[in-house]
Protein backbone atom coordinates (compact mmCIF):
# COMPACT_ATOMS: atom_id res chain seq x y z
CA MET A 1 -8.39 72.03 -60.07
CA GLY A 2 -6.98 74.49 -62.56
CA ARG A 3 -7.98 74.85 -66.17
CA ARG A 4 -5.61 73.91 -68.95
CA LYS A 5 -4.05 76.83 -70.77
CA THR A 6 -4.23 77.51 -74.47
CA ALA A 7 -0.46 77.25 -74.72
CA ALA A 8 -0.92 73.48 -74.75
CA ALA A 9 -2.78 73.65 -78.05
CA VAL A 10 0.18 72.74 -80.27
CA PRO A 11 -0.62 72.43 -84.00
CA VAL A 12 -0.80 68.76 -84.97
CA TRP A 13 1.65 69.01 -87.89
CA ILE A 14 4.33 70.59 -85.68
CA PHE A 15 3.92 67.86 -83.09
CA ALA A 16 4.03 65.11 -85.72
CA LEU A 17 7.12 66.60 -87.35
CA PHE A 18 8.88 66.80 -83.98
CA LEU A 19 8.13 63.19 -83.06
CA SER A 20 8.98 61.85 -86.49
CA GLY A 21 12.35 63.57 -86.27
CA ILE A 22 13.07 61.98 -82.90
CA LEU A 23 12.02 58.48 -83.94
CA GLY A 24 13.39 58.66 -87.48
CA MET A 25 9.94 57.97 -88.90
CA PRO A 26 9.41 59.31 -92.45
CA LEU A 27 6.17 61.27 -92.58
CA ALA A 28 5.57 60.11 -96.14
CA GLY A 29 5.24 56.53 -94.88
CA ALA A 30 3.19 57.40 -91.80
CA GLU A 31 -0.56 57.09 -91.55
CA PHE A 32 -2.90 59.35 -89.58
CA THR A 33 -6.04 57.76 -88.12
CA VAL A 34 -8.73 58.89 -85.68
CA PRO A 35 -9.16 55.98 -83.26
CA ARG A 36 -11.52 57.92 -81.00
CA LEU A 37 -13.90 60.80 -81.58
CA GLU A 38 -16.68 61.72 -79.16
CA LEU A 39 -19.32 64.46 -79.28
CA ALA A 40 -22.08 64.73 -76.68
CA THR A 41 -24.88 67.21 -75.93
CA ARG A 42 -27.28 67.51 -73.02
CA GLY A 43 -30.48 69.52 -73.22
CA TYR A 44 -32.07 70.53 -69.91
CA THR A 45 -33.94 73.31 -68.14
CA GLU A 46 -31.95 75.58 -65.83
CA GLU A 47 -33.61 78.39 -63.86
CA GLY A 48 -36.62 78.19 -66.15
CA ASP A 49 -34.66 78.35 -69.42
CA PHE A 50 -33.94 75.44 -71.76
CA THR A 51 -30.23 75.18 -72.49
CA LEU A 52 -27.73 72.94 -74.28
CA SER A 53 -24.39 71.84 -72.86
CA SER A 54 -21.85 69.99 -75.02
CA ALA A 55 -18.44 68.33 -74.83
CA ALA A 56 -16.06 66.96 -77.45
CA SER A 57 -12.77 65.03 -77.57
CA VAL A 58 -10.63 63.36 -80.22
CA ASP A 59 -7.54 61.16 -80.48
CA LEU A 60 -5.17 61.28 -83.45
CA ALA A 61 -2.86 58.32 -84.10
CA LEU A 62 0.29 58.41 -86.21
CA SER A 63 1.41 54.90 -87.12
CA GLY A 64 4.24 53.61 -89.26
CA GLY A 65 3.84 49.86 -89.07
CA TYR A 66 3.48 47.24 -86.35
CA LYS A 67 6.64 47.99 -84.38
CA TYR A 68 6.07 51.61 -83.48
CA GLY A 69 3.30 54.14 -83.27
CA ILE A 70 2.40 57.53 -81.88
CA LEU A 71 -0.84 58.60 -80.24
CA LEU A 72 -1.78 62.27 -79.88
CA GLY A 73 -4.93 63.02 -77.91
CA LEU A 74 -6.71 66.39 -77.84
CA SER A 75 -9.93 67.48 -76.16
CA PHE A 76 -12.21 70.47 -75.76
CA GLU A 77 -12.03 71.28 -72.07
CA SER A 78 -15.17 73.28 -71.42
CA ASP A 79 -18.16 72.78 -69.16
CA ASN A 80 -20.35 74.32 -71.84
CA LEU A 81 -19.14 74.70 -75.43
CA GLU A 82 -22.20 76.76 -76.32
CA LYS A 83 -21.35 79.37 -73.68
CA ALA A 84 -17.74 79.41 -74.84
CA ILE A 85 -18.78 80.21 -78.40
CA ALA A 86 -21.17 82.93 -77.18
CA TYR A 87 -18.48 84.60 -75.04
CA ARG A 88 -16.21 84.91 -78.09
CA ASN A 89 -18.61 87.44 -79.61
CA PHE A 90 -17.97 90.22 -77.11
CA THR A 91 -15.63 91.48 -74.39
CA LEU A 92 -16.77 91.92 -70.82
CA ALA A 93 -16.40 95.53 -69.69
CA PRO A 94 -15.89 96.47 -66.04
CA PRO A 95 -18.93 98.15 -64.53
CA ALA A 96 -19.06 101.90 -64.27
CA SER A 97 -18.83 103.58 -60.87
CA GLY A 98 -21.69 102.33 -58.74
CA GLY A 99 -22.29 99.36 -61.05
CA ASN A 100 -22.82 95.75 -60.01
CA GLN A 101 -19.26 94.52 -59.36
CA ASP A 102 -20.44 91.14 -58.06
CA ASN A 103 -22.35 90.43 -61.26
CA TYR A 104 -19.30 91.40 -63.34
CA ASN A 105 -17.02 89.14 -61.27
CA ALA A 106 -19.47 86.26 -61.70
CA GLN A 107 -19.48 86.71 -65.50
CA VAL A 108 -15.68 86.87 -65.61
CA ALA A 109 -15.47 83.63 -63.63
CA ASP A 110 -18.13 81.99 -65.83
CA LYS A 111 -16.25 83.00 -68.98
CA ALA A 112 -12.95 81.69 -67.59
CA ASN A 113 -14.56 78.38 -66.65
CA ASN A 114 -16.12 77.94 -70.10
CA GLN A 115 -13.19 78.56 -72.44
CA ALA A 116 -13.27 76.20 -75.41
CA VAL A 117 -9.69 75.42 -76.32
CA LEU A 118 -8.28 72.44 -78.13
CA ALA A 119 -6.27 71.27 -75.14
CA PHE A 120 -3.49 68.73 -74.96
CA ARG A 121 -4.56 65.39 -73.40
CA ILE A 122 -2.00 62.69 -74.25
CA ALA A 123 1.12 62.11 -76.32
CA LYS A 124 2.34 58.52 -76.40
CA ALA A 125 5.09 56.82 -78.40
CA THR A 126 5.20 53.01 -78.41
CA ALA A 127 7.91 50.60 -79.58
CA ARG A 128 6.90 46.93 -79.90
CA ASP A 129 9.19 43.88 -80.05
CA LEU A 130 11.90 45.95 -78.39
CA PHE A 131 15.39 44.52 -79.17
CA ASN A 132 13.55 41.68 -80.96
CA LYS A 133 12.17 40.54 -77.62
CA PRO A 134 8.49 40.25 -76.56
CA LEU A 135 8.62 43.66 -74.93
CA GLU A 136 6.50 46.76 -75.51
CA LEU A 137 7.87 50.10 -74.31
CA SER A 138 5.77 53.27 -74.17
CA TYR A 139 6.79 56.81 -73.31
CA PHE A 140 3.80 58.95 -72.38
CA ILE A 141 2.96 62.50 -71.35
CA GLY A 142 -0.56 63.24 -70.18
CA ILE A 143 -3.68 61.19 -69.47
CA ASN A 144 -2.70 57.61 -70.22
CA ASP A 145 -4.18 54.16 -69.47
CA TYR A 146 -7.19 53.52 -67.22
CA PHE A 147 -6.90 50.46 -64.98
CA CYS A 148 -9.79 48.00 -64.66
CA SER A 149 -12.02 49.84 -67.14
CA GLY A 150 -12.13 46.83 -69.49
CA ASP A 151 -11.09 48.89 -72.54
CA GLU A 152 -7.64 47.31 -72.77
CA PHE A 153 -9.18 43.91 -73.55
CA VAL A 154 -10.92 45.36 -76.63
CA THR A 155 -7.83 47.10 -78.02
CA ARG A 156 -5.21 44.47 -77.07
CA PHE A 157 -7.10 41.17 -77.45
CA GLY A 158 -9.93 42.18 -79.80
CA THR A 159 -12.70 41.04 -77.44
CA GLY A 160 -16.24 42.29 -77.25
CA GLN A 161 -17.30 44.85 -74.66
CA VAL A 162 -15.87 44.05 -71.24
CA GLY A 163 -16.38 47.25 -69.24
CA THR A 164 -19.70 48.59 -68.09
CA GLY A 165 -21.81 50.89 -70.23
CA PHE A 166 -22.82 52.76 -67.08
CA ARG A 167 -20.27 55.56 -67.39
CA GLY A 168 -19.68 58.77 -69.24
CA PHE A 169 -21.61 61.93 -70.06
CA PHE A 170 -25.00 60.20 -70.52
CA TYR A 171 -25.01 59.04 -66.89
CA PHE A 172 -22.84 61.66 -65.17
CA PRO A 173 -23.44 64.86 -67.19
CA GLU A 174 -22.07 67.05 -64.40
CA GLY A 175 -18.95 64.91 -63.95
CA ILE A 176 -17.29 64.28 -60.61
CA GLY A 177 -17.58 67.15 -58.17
CA GLY A 178 -19.19 69.36 -60.81
CA ILE A 179 -16.27 69.06 -63.28
CA MET A 180 -17.66 67.54 -66.46
CA SER A 181 -14.27 66.41 -67.81
CA ARG A 182 -13.72 64.23 -64.71
CA GLN A 183 -15.59 60.98 -65.33
CA TYR A 184 -15.53 57.52 -63.78
CA ASN A 185 -13.71 55.08 -66.05
CA GLY A 186 -12.24 52.10 -64.24
CA ILE A 187 -10.65 52.17 -60.80
CA HIS A 188 -7.56 54.30 -61.50
CA GLY A 189 -6.07 56.30 -64.36
CA VAL A 190 -2.42 57.09 -65.06
CA ARG A 191 -1.87 60.84 -65.41
CA GLY A 192 1.71 61.97 -65.65
CA THR A 193 5.03 61.73 -67.50
CA GLY A 194 6.81 58.41 -67.57
CA LEU A 195 7.35 54.97 -69.06
CA SER A 196 5.42 51.71 -69.21
CA LEU A 197 6.82 48.30 -70.08
CA ALA A 198 4.72 45.28 -71.07
CA LEU A 199 5.76 41.66 -71.52
CA THR A 200 3.94 40.27 -74.58
CA ALA A 201 5.33 36.71 -74.68
CA TRP A 202 1.85 35.19 -74.34
CA ASP A 203 -1.38 35.79 -76.25
CA PHE A 204 -3.54 35.51 -73.11
CA LEU A 205 -1.39 37.12 -70.39
CA VAL A 206 0.22 40.58 -70.31
CA PRO A 207 2.12 41.81 -67.22
CA MET A 208 2.88 45.56 -67.21
CA VAL A 209 4.80 48.07 -65.08
CA TYR A 210 4.42 51.88 -64.98
CA ILE A 211 6.85 54.46 -63.56
CA TYR A 212 5.87 58.15 -63.81
CA GLN A 213 5.71 61.57 -62.24
CA ASP A 214 2.11 61.88 -61.16
CA TYR A 215 0.52 65.32 -61.61
CA ALA A 216 -3.13 64.53 -60.98
CA PHE A 217 -3.06 65.82 -57.40
CA ALA A 218 -5.09 68.62 -55.88
CA GLU A 219 -5.88 69.51 -52.30
CA GLY A 220 -9.21 71.25 -51.82
CA MET A 221 -9.34 71.80 -55.62
CA GLU A 222 -6.02 73.66 -55.51
CA PHE A 223 -2.96 72.44 -57.40
CA SER A 224 -0.51 70.86 -54.96
CA GLY A 225 2.65 70.78 -57.09
CA THR A 226 4.35 68.13 -59.21
CA ASN A 227 6.55 66.47 -56.61
CA HIS A 228 4.54 63.23 -56.71
CA PHE A 229 6.04 60.03 -58.16
CA SER A 230 4.12 56.83 -58.80
CA GLY A 231 4.64 53.22 -59.74
CA ASP A 232 2.06 50.58 -60.69
CA LEU A 233 2.10 46.86 -61.46
CA ARG A 234 -0.71 45.65 -63.72
CA THR A 235 -1.67 42.28 -65.22
CA LEU A 236 -4.22 41.32 -67.90
CA PHE A 237 -5.54 37.77 -68.35
CA ASN A 238 -7.86 36.85 -71.22
CA LYS A 239 -9.70 33.59 -71.82
CA ASP A 240 -13.03 32.90 -73.53
CA TRP A 241 -15.05 32.63 -70.30
CA LEU A 242 -12.84 34.59 -67.92
CA LYS A 243 -11.24 38.02 -68.21
CA LEU A 244 -9.20 39.33 -65.29
CA GLU A 245 -7.27 42.52 -64.66
CA GLY A 246 -5.51 43.45 -61.45
CA PHE A 247 -3.20 46.23 -60.34
CA THR A 248 -1.44 47.65 -57.32
CA GLY A 249 0.35 50.97 -57.02
CA LEU A 250 2.11 53.43 -54.75
CA THR A 251 2.60 57.21 -54.84
CA LEU A 252 5.36 58.94 -52.89
CA SER A 253 5.51 62.67 -52.17
CA ARG A 254 8.05 64.61 -50.15
CA GLY A 255 6.75 65.38 -46.68
CA GLN A 256 3.50 63.40 -47.18
CA SER A 257 2.29 59.93 -46.30
CA PRO A 258 2.44 57.33 -49.10
CA LEU A 259 -0.73 56.83 -51.13
CA VAL A 260 -1.61 53.18 -51.81
CA ARG A 261 -4.07 51.82 -54.37
CA GLY A 262 -5.12 48.54 -55.92
CA GLY A 263 -8.03 46.62 -57.35
CA PHE A 264 -9.29 44.11 -59.88
CA LEU A 265 -11.79 43.59 -62.68
CA ALA A 266 -13.36 40.22 -63.43
CA LEU A 267 -15.77 39.29 -66.23
CA ILE A 268 -17.08 35.77 -65.81
CA GLY A 269 -19.17 33.99 -68.43
CA ALA A 270 -19.62 33.79 -72.19
CA GLU A 271 -20.26 36.80 -74.42
CA LYS A 272 -23.66 35.30 -75.27
CA GLY A 273 -25.77 34.07 -72.37
CA ALA A 274 -25.02 35.20 -68.83
CA GLU A 275 -22.07 37.30 -67.64
CA LEU A 276 -21.04 38.85 -64.35
CA LEU A 277 -18.81 41.93 -64.20
CA ILE A 278 -17.09 42.92 -60.96
CA GLN A 279 -14.89 45.96 -60.36
CA LEU A 280 -13.56 46.28 -56.83
CA GLY A 281 -10.69 48.32 -55.49
CA VAL A 282 -9.30 51.28 -53.58
CA PRO A 283 -8.38 54.17 -55.92
CA GLY A 284 -6.34 55.85 -53.20
CA TRP A 285 -5.70 55.27 -49.50
CA LYS A 286 -3.34 57.49 -47.55
CA ALA A 287 -1.20 55.52 -45.11
CA GLY A 288 -2.18 56.23 -41.53
CA GLU A 289 -5.80 57.10 -42.29
CA GLY A 290 -8.70 54.85 -41.38
CA LEU A 291 -9.84 52.49 -44.14
CA ASN A 292 -13.62 52.42 -44.48
CA VAL A 293 -16.26 51.90 -47.15
CA ASP A 294 -15.79 55.43 -48.54
CA ALA A 295 -12.35 54.44 -49.86
CA PHE A 296 -13.75 51.70 -52.13
CA TYR A 297 -14.76 51.72 -55.77
CA PHE A 298 -17.30 48.92 -56.17
CA LEU A 299 -19.33 48.00 -59.24
CA VAL A 300 -21.15 44.75 -59.89
CA GLU A 301 -23.13 44.13 -63.08
CA PRO A 302 -24.90 40.90 -64.00
CA ARG A 303 -25.79 40.68 -67.70
CA ILE A 304 -28.33 38.27 -69.18
CA ASP A 305 -28.72 37.85 -72.95
CA PHE A 306 -32.04 36.32 -74.07
CA GLY A 307 -31.29 36.58 -77.79
CA LEU A 308 -33.72 39.24 -78.96
CA MET A 309 -33.35 41.15 -75.72
CA ALA A 310 -30.88 41.58 -72.86
CA LEU A 311 -30.99 42.74 -69.25
CA ASN A 312 -28.14 44.52 -67.42
CA ILE A 313 -28.38 45.42 -63.73
CA THR A 314 -25.64 47.69 -62.35
CA PHE A 315 -24.84 48.62 -58.77
CA PHE A 316 -22.10 51.25 -58.38
CA TYR A 317 -20.72 52.67 -55.11
CA HIS A 318 -18.70 55.87 -55.59
CA PRO A 319 -15.27 56.25 -53.98
CA LEU A 320 -14.43 59.36 -51.96
CA ARG A 321 -11.00 59.68 -53.63
CA TYR A 322 -10.67 59.15 -57.38
CA LEU A 323 -7.86 60.03 -59.79
CA GLN A 324 -5.82 61.22 -56.78
CA ILE A 325 -8.40 63.84 -55.79
CA GLU A 326 -10.75 63.66 -52.81
CA THR A 327 -14.28 64.85 -53.62
CA PRO A 328 -16.48 65.24 -50.50
CA GLU A 329 -19.63 65.48 -52.64
CA GLU A 330 -19.19 61.82 -53.64
CA ARG A 331 -19.25 60.48 -50.08
CA GLY A 332 -22.03 57.92 -49.63
CA LYS A 333 -23.21 58.02 -53.25
CA ALA A 334 -24.48 54.88 -54.99
CA ASP A 335 -26.41 54.10 -58.17
CA ILE A 336 -28.63 51.22 -59.22
CA ASN A 337 -29.32 51.02 -62.94
CA VAL A 338 -31.66 48.50 -64.61
CA LYS A 339 -31.29 48.42 -68.39
CA LEU A 340 -33.54 46.47 -70.76
CA LEU A 341 -32.10 46.20 -74.29
CA PHE A 342 -33.71 45.18 -77.56
CA GLY A 343 -31.53 44.39 -80.57
CA ASP A 344 -27.73 44.41 -80.79
CA VAL A 345 -25.87 47.36 -82.24
CA LEU A 346 -22.87 45.16 -83.13
CA GLU A 347 -24.90 42.58 -85.07
CA ASN A 348 -28.01 44.47 -86.23
CA LYS A 349 -26.54 48.01 -86.31
CA ILE A 350 -29.35 49.23 -84.07
CA GLU A 351 -30.54 48.78 -80.49
CA GLY A 352 -32.91 50.46 -78.11
CA GLY A 353 -34.67 49.99 -74.83
CA LEU A 354 -35.56 51.42 -71.45
CA GLU A 355 -33.57 51.92 -68.28
CA SER A 356 -34.37 52.98 -64.75
CA THR A 357 -31.73 54.67 -62.60
CA LEU A 358 -31.94 55.04 -58.83
CA ALA A 359 -29.35 57.46 -57.40
CA LEU A 360 -28.75 57.34 -53.64
CA LYS A 361 -26.77 59.56 -51.28
CA ALA A 362 -26.64 58.27 -47.69
CA ASP A 363 -24.24 60.84 -46.20
CA GLN A 364 -25.92 63.33 -43.85
CA GLY A 365 -29.43 62.12 -44.54
CA GLU A 366 -30.81 60.17 -47.45
CA ASP A 367 -31.26 61.78 -50.86
CA ILE A 368 -32.93 59.64 -53.53
CA SER A 369 -33.46 60.41 -57.21
CA VAL A 370 -35.23 58.21 -59.76
CA PHE A 371 -34.96 58.51 -63.54
CA LEU A 372 -36.69 56.64 -66.38
CA SER A 373 -34.89 56.74 -69.73
CA PRO A 374 -35.93 55.38 -73.12
CA PHE A 375 -32.92 55.25 -75.47
CA ILE A 376 -31.84 54.26 -78.96
CA GLY A 377 -28.49 53.74 -80.65
CA PHE A 378 -27.39 52.84 -84.16
CA VAL A 379 -24.22 52.57 -86.26
CA SER A 380 -23.85 54.28 -89.64
CA GLY A 381 -20.81 55.30 -91.65
CA GLY A 382 -18.35 54.14 -89.01
CA LEU A 383 -20.02 56.26 -86.31
CA ARG A 384 -22.23 55.24 -83.43
CA TRP A 385 -25.20 57.55 -82.73
CA ASP A 386 -26.96 57.52 -79.36
CA ALA A 387 -29.97 59.38 -78.01
CA LYS A 388 -31.67 59.21 -74.63
CA LEU A 389 -34.57 60.97 -72.93
CA ARG A 390 -34.22 61.09 -69.13
CA VAL A 391 -37.40 61.64 -67.16
CA ASN A 392 -37.63 62.53 -63.46
CA PRO A 393 -41.12 61.38 -62.35
CA ALA A 394 -40.79 63.17 -58.99
CA GLY A 395 -40.50 66.53 -60.76
CA TYR A 396 -44.17 66.69 -61.75
CA ASP A 397 -44.59 69.96 -59.81
CA LYS A 398 -42.23 71.58 -62.37
CA PRO A 399 -43.13 69.79 -65.62
CA HIS A 400 -40.60 71.75 -67.72
CA GLU A 401 -37.79 70.43 -65.49
CA MET A 402 -38.85 66.78 -65.64
CA PHE A 403 -37.12 66.05 -68.94
CA GLU A 404 -33.52 65.97 -70.10
CA PHE A 405 -32.34 64.99 -73.57
CA PHE A 406 -28.97 63.49 -74.46
CA MET A 407 -27.42 62.99 -77.89
CA GLY A 408 -23.97 61.69 -78.71
CA VAL A 409 -21.82 60.54 -81.60
CA ARG A 410 -18.61 58.56 -81.34
CA THR A 411 -16.41 56.37 -83.46
CA ALA A 412 -17.73 52.82 -83.64
CA PHE A 413 -15.54 49.87 -82.63
């Protein structure tokens, strides 16, 4: 999957001026906000040396009232921001005659794969109450909505956390297939250029439709062109004790079999007490192929709140195909995570606890990893701070490799 080029790093003020001209929005009356900012660092030992690896992303929102708004999302696309900064200090010189060409080629590839550029992620313009009707129209370019992640309930209905906390850099620091920027977040994500239309006539039910050119495809990690077109139907349902989201979609490509997808999220129970989260679906199934367990995204998470403490148990089975890309390394992978929490970061501004993660890989022989992780998180100044120490008890023969440290900061919701 190719790296994004620096040409996409358009200055924010130029982009805002362009969009405001199209929509007739006066910049003097517009308001810039930062709805999402995330920084994360992992400290670990690699080949005997302790190293840090970091990632960062940010969203900028330009709003001018209730009826319309613009979202501009940018991110640092680099597997290791520290390496990227180091490489800026010098230029790699080809080896002299008789020199180590293989070593030079490896460094060139490493530098190319660790460029830190402020890359374009999403531009989205939204018009609400279209033609004075309960309609919401969005025009998007880039990485748009994630289906069945639970995040839409928080932003659209103002609920508490719906989606699982078992996702992101703290749990999958190497990403999907070794690409850190590819992370599990719901069953499917819209990536392309197109339109979405939502019917907002009810305060508990929102049907939506998406039509877009889908450019998330790759075959064998090689770009396969942009001649892919997708459509999705999606519905959100929100009640106090039941939250449901379902979707179905189809992708058509010239000369290729249709790609079908679908799934649902269900959160059953009250926010305080006992809850059960289920995410089940097929991120992508190519017509004509056999349908087996590898095609499924399955996550189940019972949550029990005892007041002063809470217990979350997560089982997650990885799909072979995700975000339109098949990743053989994910075949047969599953995780079981047991998380014991003390405190509540939303009410008390601080929480902590201990979790145990069992990672399984059943394909071509069993591979089992076990991690124990004390963690702490707190909110201060509108930011949430998290830290976690991950310990691999089976690595006692190499004590310096037993420990990994994670630290992250993100905007608090």
